[in-house]
PDB file of N, CA and C in Angstrom:
ATOM      1  N   MET A   1       0.846  -1.171   0.000  1.00  0.00           N
ATOM      2  CA  MET A   1       0.000   0.000   0.000  1.00  0.00           C
ATOM      3  C   MET A   1       0.897   1.242   0.000  1.00  0.00           C
ATOM      4  N   GLY A   2       0.749   2.119  -0.994  1.00  0.00           N
ATOM      5  CA  GLY A   2       1.574   3.308  -1.108  1.00  0.00           C
ATOM      6  C   GLY A   2       1.018   4.468  -0.283  1.00  0.00           C
ATOM      7  N   SER A   3       1.872   5.388   0.015  1.00  0.00           N
ATOM      8  CA  SER A   3       1.421   6.559   0.772  1.00  0.00           C
ATOM      9  C   SER A   3       1.138   7.712  -0.180  1.00  0.00           C
ATOM     10  N   THR A   4       0.264   8.597   0.266  1.00  0.00           N
ATOM     11  CA  THR A   4      -0.104   9.758  -0.530  1.00  0.00           C
ATOM     12  C   THR A   4       0.302  11.005   0.226  1.00  0.00           C
ATOM     13  N   THR A   5       1.020  11.898  -0.441  1.00  0.00           N
ATOM     14  CA  THR A   5       1.413  13.161   0.172  1.00  0.00           C
ATOM     15  C   THR A   5       0.506  14.262  -0.351  1.00  0.00           C
ATOM     16  N   VAL A   6      -0.076  14.996   0.552  1.00  0.00           N
ATOM     17  CA  VAL A   6      -0.961  16.093   0.168  1.00  0.00           C
ATOM     18  C   VAL A   6      -0.246  17.399   0.509  1.00  0.00           C
ATOM     19  N   HIS A   7      -0.116  18.261  -0.476  1.00  0.00           N
ATOM     20  CA  HIS A   7       0.548  19.547  -0.268  1.00  0.00           C
ATOM     21  C   HIS A   7      -0.498  20.650  -0.175  1.00  0.00           C
ATOM     22  N   GLU A   8      -0.321  21.498   0.814  1.00  0.00           N
ATOM     23  CA  GLU A   8      -1.173  22.677   0.921  1.00  0.00           C
ATOM     24  C   GLU A   8      -0.716  23.676  -0.138  1.00  0.00           C
ATOM     25  N   PRO A   9      -1.626  24.405  -0.746  1.00  0.00           N
ATOM     26  CA  PRO A   9      -1.194  25.412  -1.716  1.00  0.00           C
ATOM     27  C   PRO A   9      -0.364  26.491  -1.013  1.00  0.00           C
ATOM     28  N   ALA A  10       0.614  27.024  -1.729  1.00  0.00           N
ATOM     29  CA  ALA A  10       1.478  28.063  -1.146  1.00  0.00           C
ATOM     30  C   ALA A  10       0.681  29.316  -0.810  1.00  0.00           C
ATOM     31  N   TRP A  11      -0.369  29.574  -1.563  1.00  0.00           N
ATOM     32  CA  TRP A  11      -1.199  30.757  -1.355  1.00  0.00           C
ATOM     33  C   TRP A  11      -2.658  30.309  -1.245  1.00  0.00           C
ATOM     34  N   SER A  12      -3.377  30.899  -0.320  1.00  0.00           N
ATOM     35  CA  SER A  12      -4.818  30.646  -0.275  1.00  0.00           C
ATOM     36  C   SER A  12      -5.451  31.395  -1.448  1.00  0.00           C
ATOM     37  N   GLU A  13      -6.672  31.059  -1.772  1.00  0.00           N
ATOM     38  CA  GLU A  13      -7.355  31.763  -2.864  1.00  0.00           C
ATOM     39  C   GLU A  13      -7.485  33.252  -2.551  1.00  0.00           C
ATOM     40  N   ASP A  14      -7.795  33.585  -1.287  1.00  0.00           N
ATOM     41  CA  ASP A  14      -7.900  34.999  -0.894  1.00  0.00           C
ATOM     42  C   ASP A  14      -6.565  35.704  -1.030  1.00  0.00           C
ATOM     43  N   ASP A  15      -5.486  35.050  -0.554  1.00  0.00           N
ATOM     44  CA  ASP A  15      -4.153  35.656  -0.666  1.00  0.00           C
ATOM     45  C   ASP A  15      -3.786  35.901  -2.119  1.00  0.00           C
ATOM     46  N   LEU A  16      -4.083  34.938  -2.972  1.00  0.00           N
ATOM     47  CA  LEU A  16      -3.776  35.080  -4.394  1.00  0.00           C
ATOM     48  C   LEU A  16      -4.565  36.236  -5.008  1.00  0.00           C
ATOM     49  N   GLU A  17      -5.850  36.354  -4.661  1.00  0.00           N
ATOM     50  CA  GLU A  17      -6.666  37.464  -5.171  1.00  0.00           C
ATOM     51  C   GLU A  17      -6.120  38.808  -4.715  1.00  0.00           C
ATOM     52  N   TYR A  18      -5.725  38.908  -3.435  1.00  0.00           N
ATOM     53  CA  TYR A  18      -5.148  40.156  -2.925  1.00  0.00           C
ATOM     54  C   TYR A  18      -3.837  40.483  -3.632  1.00  0.00           C
ATOM     55  N   ALA A  19      -2.991  39.459  -3.831  1.00  0.00           N
ATOM     56  CA  ALA A  19      -1.703  39.681  -4.492  1.00  0.00           C
ATOM     57  C   ALA A  19      -1.894  40.143  -5.931  1.00  0.00           C
ATOM     58  N   LEU A  20      -2.835  39.539  -6.639  1.00  0.00           N
ATOM     59  CA  LEU A  20      -3.084  39.939  -8.022  1.00  0.00           C
ATOM     60  C   LEU A  20      -3.677  41.347  -8.091  1.00  0.00           C
ATOM     61  N   ALA A  21      -4.568  41.679  -7.152  1.00  0.00           N
ATOM     62  CA  ALA A  21      -5.129  43.033  -7.115  1.00  0.00           C
ATOM     63  C   ALA A  21      -4.034  44.045  -6.808  1.00  0.00           C
ATOM     64  N   TRP A  22      -3.152  43.720  -5.873  1.00  0.00           N
ATOM     65  CA  TRP A  22      -2.035  44.616  -5.531  1.00  0.00           C
ATOM     66  C   TRP A  22      -1.127  44.812  -6.739  1.00  0.00           C
ATOM     67  N   ALA A  23      -0.855  43.729  -7.472  1.00  0.00           N
ATOM     68  CA  ALA A  23      -0.010  43.836  -8.670  1.00  0.00           C
ATOM     69  C   ALA A  23      -0.674  44.728  -9.714  1.00  0.00           C
ATOM     70  N   ASP A  24      -1.986  44.621  -9.862  1.00  0.00           N
ATOM     71  CA  ASP A  24      -2.714  45.482 -10.808  1.00  0.00           C
ATOM     72  C   ASP A  24      -2.614  46.945 -10.393  1.00  0.00           C
ATOM     73  N   ILE A  25      -2.768  47.209  -9.106  1.00  0.00           N
ATOM     74  CA  ILE A  25      -2.667  48.588  -8.604  1.00  0.00           C
ATOM     75  C   ILE A  25      -1.266  49.126  -8.839  1.00  0.00           C
ATOM     76  N   ARG A  26      -0.240  48.335  -8.513  1.00  0.00           N
ATOM     77  CA  ARG A  26       1.148  48.779  -8.708  1.00  0.00           C
ATOM     78  C   ARG A  26       1.432  49.053 -10.189  1.00  0.00           C
ATOM     79  N   ALA A  27       0.905  48.210 -11.063  1.00  0.00           N
ATOM     80  CA  ALA A  27       1.137  48.391 -12.503  1.00  0.00           C
ATOM     81  C   ALA A  27       0.455  49.651 -13.021  1.00  0.00           C
ATOM     82  N   ASP A  28      -0.582  50.097 -12.337  1.00  0.00           N
ATOM     83  CA  ASP A  28      -1.340  51.285 -12.758  1.00  0.00           C
ATOM     84  C   ASP A  28      -0.948  52.523 -11.962  1.00  0.00           C
ATOM     85  N   THR A  29       0.164  52.455 -11.230  1.00  0.00           N
ATOM     86  CA  THR A  29       0.591  53.587 -10.397  1.00  0.00           C
ATOM     87  C   THR A  29       1.824  54.248 -10.992  1.00  0.00           C
ATOM     88  N   HIS A  30       1.766  55.561 -11.152  1.00  0.00           N
ATOM     89  CA  HIS A  30       2.904  56.337 -11.642  1.00  0.00           C
ATOM     90  C   HIS A  30       3.822  56.601 -10.449  1.00  0.00           C
ATOM     91  N   PRO A  31       5.022  56.011 -10.406  1.00  0.00           N
ATOM     92  CA  PRO A  31       5.864  56.107  -9.209  1.00  0.00           C
ATOM     93  C   PRO A  31       6.162  57.528  -8.712  1.00  0.00           C
ATOM     94  N   PRO A  32       6.479  58.486  -9.580  1.00  0.00           N
ATOM     95  CA  PRO A  32       6.809  59.808  -9.033  1.00  0.00           C
ATOM     96  C   PRO A  32       5.670  60.492  -8.273  1.00  0.00           C
ATOM     97  N   CYS A  33       4.437  60.296  -8.707  1.00  0.00           N
ATOM     98  CA  CYS A  33       3.343  61.014  -8.046  1.00  0.00           C
ATOM     99  C   CYS A  33       2.362  60.108  -7.323  1.00  0.00           C
ATOM    100  N   GLY A  34       2.384  58.800  -7.625  1.00  0.00           N
ATOM    101  CA  GLY A  34       1.506  57.865  -6.946  1.00  0.00           C
ATOM    102  C   GLY A  34       0.085  57.816  -7.473  1.00  0.00           C
ATOM    103  N   HIS A  35      -0.198  58.573  -8.522  1.00  0.00           N
ATOM    104  CA  HIS A  35      -1.555  58.559  -9.079  1.00  0.00           C
ATOM    105  C   HIS A  35      -1.711  57.437 -10.095  1.00  0.00           C
ATOM    106  N   ARG A  36      -2.958  57.076 -10.355  1.00  0.00           N
ATOM    107  CA  ARG A  36      -3.261  56.000 -11.290  1.00  0.00           C
ATOM    108  C   ARG A  36      -2.996  56.451 -12.721  1.00  0.00           C
ATOM    109  N   LEU A  37      -2.196  55.682 -13.437  1.00  0.00           N
ATOM    110  CA  LEU A  37      -1.886  55.999 -14.830  1.00  0.00           C
ATOM    111  C   LEU A  37      -3.120  55.941 -15.705  1.00  0.00           C
ATOM    112  N   SER A  38      -4.050  55.064 -15.384  1.00  0.00           N
ATOM    113  CA  SER A  38      -5.258  54.953 -16.194  1.00  0.00           C
ATOM    114  C   SER A  38      -6.062  56.248 -16.171  1.00  0.00           C
ATOM    115  N   VAL A  39      -5.847  57.084 -15.182  1.00  0.00           N
ATOM    116  CA  VAL A  39      -6.517  58.379 -15.097  1.00  0.00           C
ATOM    117  C   VAL A  39      -5.563  59.495 -15.520  1.00  0.00           C
ATOM    118  N   SER A  40      -4.354  59.510 -14.920  1.00  0.00           N
ATOM    119  CA  SER A  40      -3.440  60.636 -15.152  1.00  0.00           C
ATOM    120  C   SER A  40      -2.840  60.660 -16.549  1.00  0.00           C
ATOM    121  N   ALA A  41      -2.741  59.511 -17.211  1.00  0.00           N
ATOM    122  CA  ALA A  41      -2.173  59.477 -18.561  1.00  0.00           C
ATOM    123  C   ALA A  41      -3.242  59.376 -19.647  1.00  0.00           C
ATOM    124  N   ASP A  42      -4.489  59.435 -19.252  1.00  0.00           N
ATOM    125  CA  ASP A  42      -5.589  59.376 -20.214  1.00  0.00           C
ATOM    126  C   ASP A  42      -5.659  60.720 -20.946  1.00  0.00           C
ATOM    127  N   PRO A  43      -5.504  60.737 -22.277  1.00  0.00           N
ATOM    128  CA  PRO A  43      -5.513  62.002 -23.018  1.00  0.00           C
ATOM    129  C   PRO A  43      -6.766  62.848 -22.771  1.00  0.00           C
ATOM    130  N   ARG A  44      -7.877  62.208 -22.434  1.00  0.00           N
ATOM    131  CA  ARG A  44      -9.095  62.973 -22.153  1.00  0.00           C
ATOM    132  C   ARG A  44      -8.943  63.823 -20.885  1.00  0.00           C
ATOM    133  N   ASN A  45      -7.972  63.465 -20.045  1.00  0.00           N
ATOM    134  CA  ASN A  45      -7.782  64.192 -18.784  1.00  0.00           C
ATOM    135  C   ASN A  45      -6.640  65.197 -18.831  1.00  0.00           C
ATOM    136  N   PHE A  46      -5.949  65.310 -19.969  1.00  0.00           N
ATOM    137  CA  PHE A  46      -4.834  66.256 -20.060  1.00  0.00           C
ATOM    138  C   PHE A  46      -5.346  67.667 -19.794  1.00  0.00           C
ATOM    139  N   ASP A  47      -4.608  68.395 -19.011  1.00  0.00           N
ATOM    140  CA  ASP A  47      -4.927  69.768 -18.602  1.00  0.00           C
ATOM    141  C   ASP A  47      -6.204  69.856 -17.773  1.00  0.00           C
ATOM    142  N   ALA A  48      -6.646  68.724 -17.212  1.00  0.00           N
ATOM    143  CA  ALA A  48      -7.865  68.736 -16.397  1.00  0.00           C
ATOM    144  C   ALA A  48      -7.570  68.555 -14.913  1.00  0.00           C
ATOM    145  N   HIS A  49      -6.304  68.404 -14.562  1.00  0.00           N
ATOM    146  CA  HIS A  49      -5.943  68.240 -13.157  1.00  0.00           C
ATOM    147  C   HIS A  49      -5.561  69.585 -12.555  1.00  0.00           C
ATOM    148  N   GLU A  50      -5.934  69.781 -11.325  1.00  0.00           N
ATOM    149  CA  GLU A  50      -5.548  71.007 -10.623  1.00  0.00           C
ATOM    150  C   GLU A  50      -5.175  70.660  -9.192  1.00  0.00           C
ATOM    151  N   VAL A  51      -4.262  71.397  -8.651  1.00  0.00           N
ATOM    152  CA  VAL A  51      -3.868  71.221  -7.248  1.00  0.00           C
ATOM    153  C   VAL A  51      -4.944  71.874  -6.396  1.00  0.00           C
ATOM    154  N   VAL A  52      -5.540  71.099  -5.517  1.00  0.00           N
ATOM    155  CA  VAL A  52      -6.610  71.636  -4.673  1.00  0.00           C
ATOM    156  C   VAL A  52      -6.147  71.857  -3.244  1.00  0.00           C
ATOM    157  N   GLU A  53      -5.021  71.260  -2.887  1.00  0.00           N
ATOM    158  CA  GLU A  53      -4.491  71.447  -1.541  1.00  0.00           C
ATOM    159  C   GLU A  53      -3.030  71.042  -1.539  1.00  0.00           C
ATOM    160  N   VAL A  54      -2.243  71.729  -0.776  1.00  0.00           N
ATOM    161  CA  VAL A  54      -0.833  71.404  -0.654  1.00  0.00           C
ATOM    162  C   VAL A  54      -0.574  70.956   0.782  1.00  0.00           C
ATOM    163  N   LEU A  55      -0.042  69.769   0.906  1.00  0.00           N
ATOM    164  CA  LEU A  55       0.343  69.252   2.217  1.00  0.00           C
ATOM    165  C   LEU A  55       1.858  69.237   2.290  1.00  0.00           C
ATOM    166  N   HIS A  56       2.382  69.507   3.438  1.00  0.00           N
ATOM    167  CA  HIS A  56       3.829  69.561   3.611  1.00  0.00           C
ATOM    168  C   HIS A  56       4.287  68.327   4.374  1.00  0.00           C
ATOM    169  N   CYS A  57       5.208  67.581   3.802  1.00  0.00           N
ATOM    170  CA  CYS A  57       5.767  66.403   4.457  1.00  0.00           C
ATOM    171  C   CYS A  57       7.088  66.794   5.103  1.00  0.00           C
ATOM    172  N   ASP A  58       7.132  66.760   6.415  1.00  0.00           N
ATOM    173  CA  ASP A  58       8.336  67.175   7.117  1.00  0.00           C
ATOM    174  C   ASP A  58       9.486  66.188   6.937  1.00  0.00           C
ATOM    175  N   VAL A  59       9.179  64.921   6.678  1.00  0.00           N
ATOM    176  CA  VAL A  59      10.240  63.947   6.411  1.00  0.00           C
ATOM    177  C   VAL A  59      10.945  64.299   5.104  1.00  0.00           C
ATOM    178  N   CYS A  60      10.161  64.596   4.063  1.00  0.00           N
ATOM    179  CA  CYS A  60      10.764  65.006   2.789  1.00  0.00           C
ATOM    180  C   CYS A  60      11.563  66.297   2.968  1.00  0.00           C
ATOM    181  N   GLN A  61      11.039  67.215   3.774  1.00  0.00           N
ATOM    182  CA  GLN A  61      11.749  68.470   4.025  1.00  0.00           C
ATOM    183  C   GLN A  61      13.085  68.225   4.712  1.00  0.00           C
ATOM    184  N   ALA A  62      13.100  67.328   5.697  1.00  0.00           N
ATOM    185  CA  ALA A  62      14.349  67.009   6.397  1.00  0.00           C
ATOM    186  C   ALA A  62      15.367  66.409   5.430  1.00  0.00           C
ATOM    187  N   ARG A  63      14.913  65.518   4.543  1.00  0.00           N
ATOM    188  CA  ARG A  63      15.823  64.927   3.558  1.00  0.00           C
ATOM    189  C   ARG A  63      16.342  65.993   2.602  1.00  0.00           C
ATOM    190  N   GLU A  64      15.444  66.868   2.147  1.00  0.00           N
ATOM    191  CA  GLU A  64      15.844  67.934   1.227  1.00  0.00           C
ATOM    192  C   GLU A  64      16.844  68.885   1.892  1.00  0.00           C
ATOM    193  N   ASP A  65      16.583  69.256   3.145  1.00  0.00           N
ATOM    194  CA  ASP A  65      17.491  70.147   3.885  1.00  0.00           C
ATOM    195  C   ASP A  65      18.864  69.508   4.043  1.00  0.00           C
ATOM    196  N   TYR A  66      18.887  68.221   4.378  1.00  0.00           N
ATOM    197  CA  TYR A  66      20.156  67.523   4.555  1.00  0.00           C
ATOM    198  C   TYR A  66      20.936  67.470   3.246  1.00  0.00           C
ATOM    199  N   ALA A  67      20.256  67.125   2.155  1.00  0.00           N
ATOM    200  CA  ALA A  67      20.922  67.045   0.848  1.00  0.00           C
ATOM    201  C   ALA A  67      21.467  68.411   0.436  1.00  0.00           C
ATOM    202  N   GLU A  68      20.692  69.461   0.683  1.00  0.00           N
ATOM    203  CA  GLU A  68      21.149  70.815   0.353  1.00  0.00           C
ATOM    204  C   GLU A  68      22.375  71.188   1.179  1.00  0.00           C
ATOM    205  N   GLN A  69      22.376  70.830   2.461  1.00  0.00           N
ATOM    206  CA  GLN A  69      23.531  71.117   3.321  1.00  0.00           C
ATOM    207  C   GLN A  69      24.756  70.357   2.835  1.00  0.00           C
ATOM    208  N   GLN A  70      24.570  69.108   2.417  1.00  0.00           N
ATOM    209  CA  GLN A  70      25.685  68.320   1.890  1.00  0.00           C
ATOM    210  C   GLN A  70      26.264  68.985   0.650  1.00  0.00           C
ATOM    211  N   ARG A  71      25.399  69.426  -0.257  1.00  0.00           N
ATOM    212  CA  ARG A  71      25.867  70.073  -1.487  1.00  0.00           C
ATOM    213  C   ARG A  71      26.583  71.383  -1.177  1.00  0.00           C
ATOM    214  N   SER A  72      26.048  72.167  -0.254  1.00  0.00           N
ATOM    215  CA  SER A  72      26.678  73.459   0.066  1.00  0.00           C
ATOM    216  C   SER A  72      28.014  73.267   0.770  1.00  0.00           C
ATOM    217  N   ASP A  73      28.206  72.119   1.416  1.00  0.00           N
ATOM    218  CA  ASP A  73      29.490  71.820   2.063  1.00  0.00           C
ATOM    219  C   ASP A  73      30.461  71.137   1.103  1.00  0.00           C
ATOM    220  N   GLY A  74      30.089  71.077  -0.180  1.00  0.00           N
ATOM    221  CA  GLY A  74      30.959  70.470  -1.177  1.00  0.00           C
ATOM    222  C   GLY A  74      30.759  68.975  -1.329  1.00  0.00           C
ATOM    223  N   GLY A  75      29.825  68.418  -0.613  1.00  0.00           N
ATOM    224  CA  GLY A  75      29.550  66.992  -0.724  1.00  0.00           C
ATOM    225  C   GLY A  75      28.670  66.708  -1.928  1.00  0.00           C
ATOM    226  N   LYS A  76      28.494  65.463  -2.206  1.00  0.00           N
ATOM    227  CA  LYS A  76      27.657  65.064  -3.331  1.00  0.00           C
ATOM    228  C   LYS A  76      26.464  64.276  -2.804  1.00  0.00           C
ATOM    229  N   THR A  77      25.358  64.398  -3.502  1.00  0.00           N
ATOM    230  CA  THR A  77      24.193  63.584  -3.204  1.00  0.00           C
ATOM    231  C   THR A  77      23.818  62.826  -4.462  1.00  0.00           C
ATOM    232  N   SER A  78      23.080  61.779  -4.287  1.00  0.00           N
ATOM    233  CA  SER A  78      22.707  60.936  -5.414  1.00  0.00           C
ATOM    234  C   SER A  78      21.265  60.490  -5.249  1.00  0.00           C
ATOM    235  N   ALA A  79      20.617  60.224  -6.373  1.00  0.00           N
ATOM    236  CA  ALA A  79      19.264  59.678  -6.323  1.00  0.00           C
ATOM    237  C   ALA A  79      19.265  58.314  -5.647  1.00  0.00           C
ATOM    238  N   ALA A  80      20.444  57.683  -5.572  1.00  0.00           N
ATOM    239  CA  ALA A  80      20.557  56.381  -4.924  1.00  0.00           C
ATOM    240  C   ALA A  80      20.727  56.495  -3.410  1.00  0.00           C
ATOM    241  N   ASP A  81      20.885  57.701  -2.902  1.00  0.00           N
ATOM    242  CA  ASP A  81      21.031  57.884  -1.457  1.00  0.00           C
ATOM    243  C   ASP A  81      19.743  57.480  -0.750  1.00  0.00           C
ATOM    244  N   VAL A  82      19.893  56.834   0.370  1.00  0.00           N
ATOM    245  CA  VAL A  82      18.757  56.482   1.224  1.00  0.00           C
ATOM    246  C   VAL A  82      18.958  57.217   2.532  1.00  0.00           C
ATOM    247  N   TYR A  83      17.972  58.024   2.906  1.00  0.00           N
ATOM    248  CA  TYR A  83      18.051  58.805   4.127  1.00  0.00           C
ATOM    249  C   TYR A  83      17.233  58.124   5.213  1.00  0.00           C
ATOM    250  N   VAL A  84      17.861  57.845   6.324  1.00  0.00           N
ATOM    251  CA  VAL A  84      17.155  57.288   7.466  1.00  0.00           C
ATOM    252  C   VAL A  84      16.769  58.485   8.340  1.00  0.00           C
ATOM    253  N   VAL A  85      15.473  58.673   8.496  1.00  0.00           N
ATOM    254  CA  VAL A  85      14.954  59.840   9.213  1.00  0.00           C
ATOM    255  C   VAL A  85      14.270  59.359  10.476  1.00  0.00           C
ATOM    256  N   ARG A  86      14.534  60.030  11.580  1.00  0.00           N
ATOM    257  CA  ARG A  86      13.866  59.675  12.830  1.00  0.00           C
ATOM    258  C   ARG A  86      13.081  60.879  13.326  1.00  0.00           C
ATOM    259  N   LEU A  87      12.066  60.613  14.092  1.00  0.00           N
ATOM    260  CA  LEU A  87      11.252  61.667  14.696  1.00  0.00           C
ATOM    261  C   LEU A  87      11.849  62.002  16.052  1.00  0.00           C
ATOM    262  N   ASP A  88      12.236  63.254  16.254  1.00  0.00           N
ATOM    263  CA  ASP A  88      12.747  63.722  17.541  1.00  0.00           C
ATOM    264  C   ASP A  88      11.540  64.173  18.362  1.00  0.00           C
ATOM    265  N   GLU A  89      11.099  63.323  19.266  1.00  0.00           N
ATOM    266  CA  GLU A  89       9.895  63.593  20.053  1.00  0.00           C
ATOM    267  C   GLU A  89       9.992  64.910  20.820  1.00  0.00           C
ATOM    268  N   SER A  90      11.198  65.307  21.208  1.00  0.00           N
ATOM    269  CA  SER A  90      11.352  66.544  21.992  1.00  0.00           C
ATOM    270  C   SER A  90      11.049  67.789  21.168  1.00  0.00           C
ATOM    271  N   ARG A  91      11.026  67.648  19.848  1.00  0.00           N
ATOM    272  CA  ARG A  91      10.756  68.800  18.983  1.00  0.00           C
ATOM    273  C   ARG A  91       9.318  68.845  18.489  1.00  0.00           C
ATOM    274  N   ARG A  92       8.481  67.900  18.940  1.00  0.00           N
ATOM    275  CA  ARG A  92       7.082  67.885  18.509  1.00  0.00           C
ATOM    276  C   ARG A  92       6.348  69.059  19.122  1.00  0.00           C
ATOM    277  N   ARG A  93       5.296  69.485  18.456  1.00  0.00           N
ATOM    278  CA  ARG A  93       4.481  70.590  18.962  1.00  0.00           C
ATOM    279  C   ARG A  93       3.014  70.219  18.862  1.00  0.00           C
ATOM    280  N   GLU A  94       2.208  70.859  19.665  1.00  0.00           N
ATOM    281  CA  GLU A  94       0.777  70.602  19.622  1.00  0.00           C
ATOM    282  C   GLU A  94       0.190  71.317  18.417  1.00  0.00           C
ATOM    283  N   VAL A  95      -0.650  70.617  17.697  1.00  0.00           N
ATOM    284  CA  VAL A  95      -1.264  71.181  16.503  1.00  0.00           C
ATOM    285  C   VAL A  95      -2.757  70.926  16.572  1.00  0.00           C
ATOM    286  N   ARG A  96      -3.511  71.911  16.225  1.00  0.00           N
ATOM    287  CA  ARG A  96      -4.961  71.758  16.160  1.00  0.00           C
ATOM    288  C   ARG A  96      -5.365  71.776  14.692  1.00  0.00           C
ATOM    289  N   PHE A  97      -6.331  70.951  14.357  1.00  0.00           N
ATOM    290  CA  PHE A  97      -6.820  70.915  12.992  1.00  0.00           C
ATOM    291  C   PHE A  97      -7.779  72.062  12.779  1.00  0.00           C
ATOM    292  N   GLY A  98      -7.576  72.809  11.687  1.00  0.00           N
ATOM    293  CA  GLY A  98      -8.387  73.975  11.415  1.00  0.00           C
ATOM    294  C   GLY A  98      -9.530  73.732  10.448  1.00  0.00           C
ATOM    295  N   GLY A  99      -9.928  72.489  10.255  1.00  0.00           N
ATOM    296  CA  GLY A  99     -11.056  72.218   9.386  1.00  0.00           C
ATOM    297  C   GLY A  99     -10.687  72.132   7.914  1.00  0.00           C
ATOM    298  N   GLN A 100      -9.436  72.358   7.578  1.00  0.00           N
ATOM    299  CA  GLN A 100      -8.989  72.319   6.180  1.00  0.00           C
ATOM    300  C   GLN A 100      -8.435  70.945   5.800  1.00  0.00           C
ATOM    301  N   GLY A 101      -8.369  70.040   6.760  1.00  0.00           N
ATOM    302  CA  GLY A 101      -7.757  68.735   6.481  1.00  0.00           C
ATOM    303  C   GLY A 101      -6.252  68.816   6.506  1.00  0.00           C
ATOM    304  N   ARG A 102      -5.723  69.925   6.939  1.00  0.00           N
ATOM    305  CA  ARG A 102      -4.281  70.122   6.997  1.00  0.00           C
ATOM    306  C   ARG A 102      -3.793  70.069   8.429  1.00  0.00           C
ATOM    307  N   ILE A 103      -2.561  69.702   8.577  1.00  0.00           N
ATOM    308  CA  ILE A 103      -1.937  69.764   9.886  1.00  0.00           C
ATOM    309  C   ILE A 103      -1.012  70.973   9.870  1.00  0.00           C
ATOM    310  N   GLY A 104      -1.095  71.780  10.904  1.00  0.00           N
ATOM    311  CA  GLY A 104      -0.148  72.890  10.968  1.00  0.00           C
ATOM    312  C   GLY A 104      -0.749  74.222  11.164  1.00  0.00           C
TER     313      GLY A 104
END
């Protein structure tokens, strides 16, 4: 009498559906801005986008400030640079939301 080995699938059906949906979203995402290419690259939408609000990312600002300081000190920066940024809790401030959806 021979034995039978039963293998569990590497991915459940739900996991596979989520992975395929994620791959579809990634394929439709423009990396520099994060918007959907199916909308942002559609010729019917050219010149139809407008900035409705500007949010300020302090992490990006810290990276930009550091890179600028490096350049002004004669150092070089590269698009391949990876900046490790930490939050200095002692520099946090209390902020109230003003109804605009903005922080600050």
